[in-house]
Amino acid sequence: MKIPAIILLALSCSVCAADLYVAPGGNDTGPGTLAKPSKHETNPLVQPEVDPEIKLAEKPDGVILRMTLDRVWVSRKRHLLTSALLGKAKPPNLPYEQPDGSPYRIDTDYFGNKRNTAHPCAGPFEHKGQGRLELKVW
């Protein structure tokens, strides 16, 4: 099964399209991701020898995402994603904010689980360690 682009982009943790948005820290890349480190990345983790073995499997009750997490990925220092961290969007020169005007603070993951606010995991899923991860995503 081909992995949907949205999952690959989320797992790659870094999207830099036409220099409109740059996440300059905490991004990890390897052979299982589409992303390359941005020229703005201050401390990219590039591990071409580490394959996270990203796979999707269709089951009768849904779709399962399987991947293997490297210990280096889970030990890296990262920051919680917030409006303050994102700064302002370039074209309108306005802050990233919720529809009601309040700032973003991404303190939950894809499933609604609380993120570790002092040391959040990269990507859409909060997890506690290295090794094989199996998640029902749909």
Protein backbone atom coordinates (compact mmCIF):
# COMPACT_ATOMS: atom_id res chain seq x y z
CA MET A 1 0.00 0.00 0.00
CA LYS A 2 1.29 3.44 -0.86
CA ILE A 3 1.64 5.70 2.18
CA PRO A 4 -0.54 8.84 1.84
CA ALA A 5 1.49 11.99 1.36
CA ILE A 6 -0.03 13.66 4.44
CA ILE A 7 1.35 10.93 6.71
CA LEU A 8 4.78 11.11 5.11
CA LEU A 9 4.83 14.88 5.46
CA ALA A 10 3.79 14.69 9.08
CA LEU A 11 6.39 12.02 9.83
CA SER A 12 9.12 13.87 8.03
CA CYS A 13 8.50 16.75 10.46
CA SER A 14 9.72 19.42 8.08
CA VAL A 15 7.98 21.11 5.22
CA CYS A 16 9.53 24.14 3.60
CA ALA A 17 7.51 25.21 0.56
CA ALA A 18 8.75 28.23 -1.35
CA ASP A 19 10.32 29.63 1.83
CA LEU A 20 6.88 30.52 3.21
CA TYR A 21 7.27 28.52 6.41
CA VAL A 22 10.34 27.12 8.05
CA ALA A 23 10.49 24.97 11.19
CA PRO A 24 14.17 25.53 12.00
CA GLY A 25 14.73 22.92 14.68
CA GLY A 26 14.03 19.39 15.84
CA ASN A 27 13.55 17.89 12.38
CA ASP A 28 14.72 14.37 11.57
CA THR A 29 15.29 12.88 8.13
CA GLY A 30 16.26 9.49 6.84
CA PRO A 31 15.52 7.11 3.97
CA GLY A 32 11.88 6.68 5.03
CA THR A 33 11.09 10.39 4.75
CA LEU A 34 10.58 12.70 1.79
CA ALA A 35 12.10 15.75 3.45
CA LYS A 36 15.59 17.11 3.16
CA PRO A 37 16.93 19.44 5.85
CA SER A 38 16.07 23.07 5.24
CA LYS A 39 18.93 25.50 4.68
CA HIS A 40 17.55 27.24 7.79
CA GLU A 41 17.80 24.14 10.02
CA THR A 42 20.26 24.81 12.83
CA ASN A 43 20.88 21.24 13.94
CA PRO A 44 19.34 18.74 11.53
CA LEU A 45 19.46 15.03 12.25
CA VAL A 46 20.18 13.24 8.98
CA GLN A 47 20.51 9.48 9.27
CA PRO A 48 20.52 7.90 5.80
CA GLU A 49 21.56 4.58 7.34
CA VAL A 50 18.54 4.42 9.68
CA ASP A 51 15.38 3.14 8.02
CA PRO A 52 12.22 3.68 10.12
CA GLU A 53 10.47 0.97 8.03
CA ILE A 54 7.31 3.07 7.64
CA LYS A 55 4.41 0.91 6.48
CA LEU A 56 0.62 1.09 6.38
CA ALA A 57 -1.45 -2.06 6.73
CA GLU A 58 -5.16 -2.38 6.07
CA LYS A 59 -6.98 -4.41 8.70
CA PRO A 60 -10.71 -5.20 8.96
CA ASP A 61 -11.10 -2.59 11.72
CA GLY A 62 -8.94 0.16 10.22
CA VAL A 63 -5.52 1.20 8.96
CA ILE A 64 -2.40 0.54 11.03
CA LEU A 65 0.77 2.63 10.76
CA ARG A 66 3.94 0.74 11.65
CA MET A 67 7.36 2.31 12.08
CA THR A 68 10.55 1.78 14.03
CA LEU A 69 11.82 4.68 16.14
CA ASP A 70 15.53 5.22 16.57
CA ARG A 71 16.75 6.05 20.08
CA VAL A 72 18.40 9.24 18.79
CA TRP A 73 15.04 10.52 17.52
CA VAL A 74 13.36 10.18 20.90
CA SER A 75 16.28 11.65 22.86
CA ARG A 76 16.59 14.90 20.87
CA LYS A 77 15.54 18.14 22.55
CA ARG A 78 12.54 19.80 20.91
CA HIS A 79 10.09 22.56 21.71
CA LEU A 80 6.31 22.48 21.88
CA LEU A 81 4.79 23.99 18.75
CA THR A 82 3.19 27.36 19.57
CA SER A 83 2.20 30.56 17.79
CA ALA A 84 5.21 32.25 19.39
CA LEU A 85 7.57 29.62 17.95
CA LEU A 86 5.98 29.89 14.48
CA GLY A 87 6.22 33.68 14.40
CA LYS A 88 4.35 35.44 11.61
CA ALA A 89 3.20 34.11 8.26
CA LYS A 90 5.19 35.87 5.53
CA PRO A 91 2.59 37.00 2.97
CA PRO A 92 0.13 38.64 5.40
CA ASN A 93 2.74 39.35 8.13
CA LEU A 94 0.26 38.08 10.71
CA PRO A 95 0.68 35.60 13.57
CA TYR A 96 -0.55 32.02 13.37
CA GLU A 97 -3.67 31.99 15.53
CA GLN A 98 -6.87 30.07 16.14
CA PRO A 99 -10.15 31.28 14.58
CA ASP A 100 -11.03 33.03 17.87
CA GLY A 101 -7.71 34.91 17.85
CA SER A 102 -6.10 32.89 20.63
CA PRO A 103 -2.56 31.57 20.08
CA TYR A 104 -1.83 27.99 19.06
CA ARG A 105 -0.28 25.63 21.57
CA ILE A 106 -0.07 22.12 20.08
CA ASP A 107 -0.04 20.21 23.36
CA THR A 108 -1.96 17.15 22.14
CA ASP A 109 -1.06 14.65 19.43
CA TYR A 110 -3.03 13.17 16.51
CA PHE A 111 -5.04 10.99 18.92
CA GLY A 112 -5.68 13.74 21.48
CA ASN A 113 -3.04 12.42 23.91
CA LYS A 114 -1.20 15.02 25.97
CA ARG A 115 2.27 15.87 24.68
CA ASN A 116 5.29 16.05 26.94
CA THR A 117 5.46 19.87 27.08
CA ALA A 118 9.10 19.91 28.22
CA HIS A 119 10.31 17.41 25.59
CA PRO A 120 7.68 16.68 22.90
CA CYS A 121 8.21 14.03 20.25
CA ALA A 122 8.64 15.08 16.62
CA GLY A 123 5.72 14.53 14.32
CA PRO A 124 2.04 13.90 14.96
CA PHE A 125 2.36 11.11 17.56
CA GLU A 126 3.52 11.44 21.16
CA HIS A 127 5.34 8.30 22.27
CA LYS A 128 7.54 7.30 25.17
CA GLY A 129 10.43 5.38 23.69
CA GLN A 130 12.30 3.76 20.87
CA GLY A 131 11.56 0.60 18.94
CA ARG A 132 8.58 -0.62 16.95
CA LEU A 133 5.49 1.57 17.01
CA GLU A 134 2.11 0.35 15.81
CA LEU A 135 -0.77 2.84 15.66
CA LYS A 136 -4.33 2.63 14.36
CA VAL A 137 -4.57 5.84 12.33
CA TRP A 138 -7.96 5.35 10.59
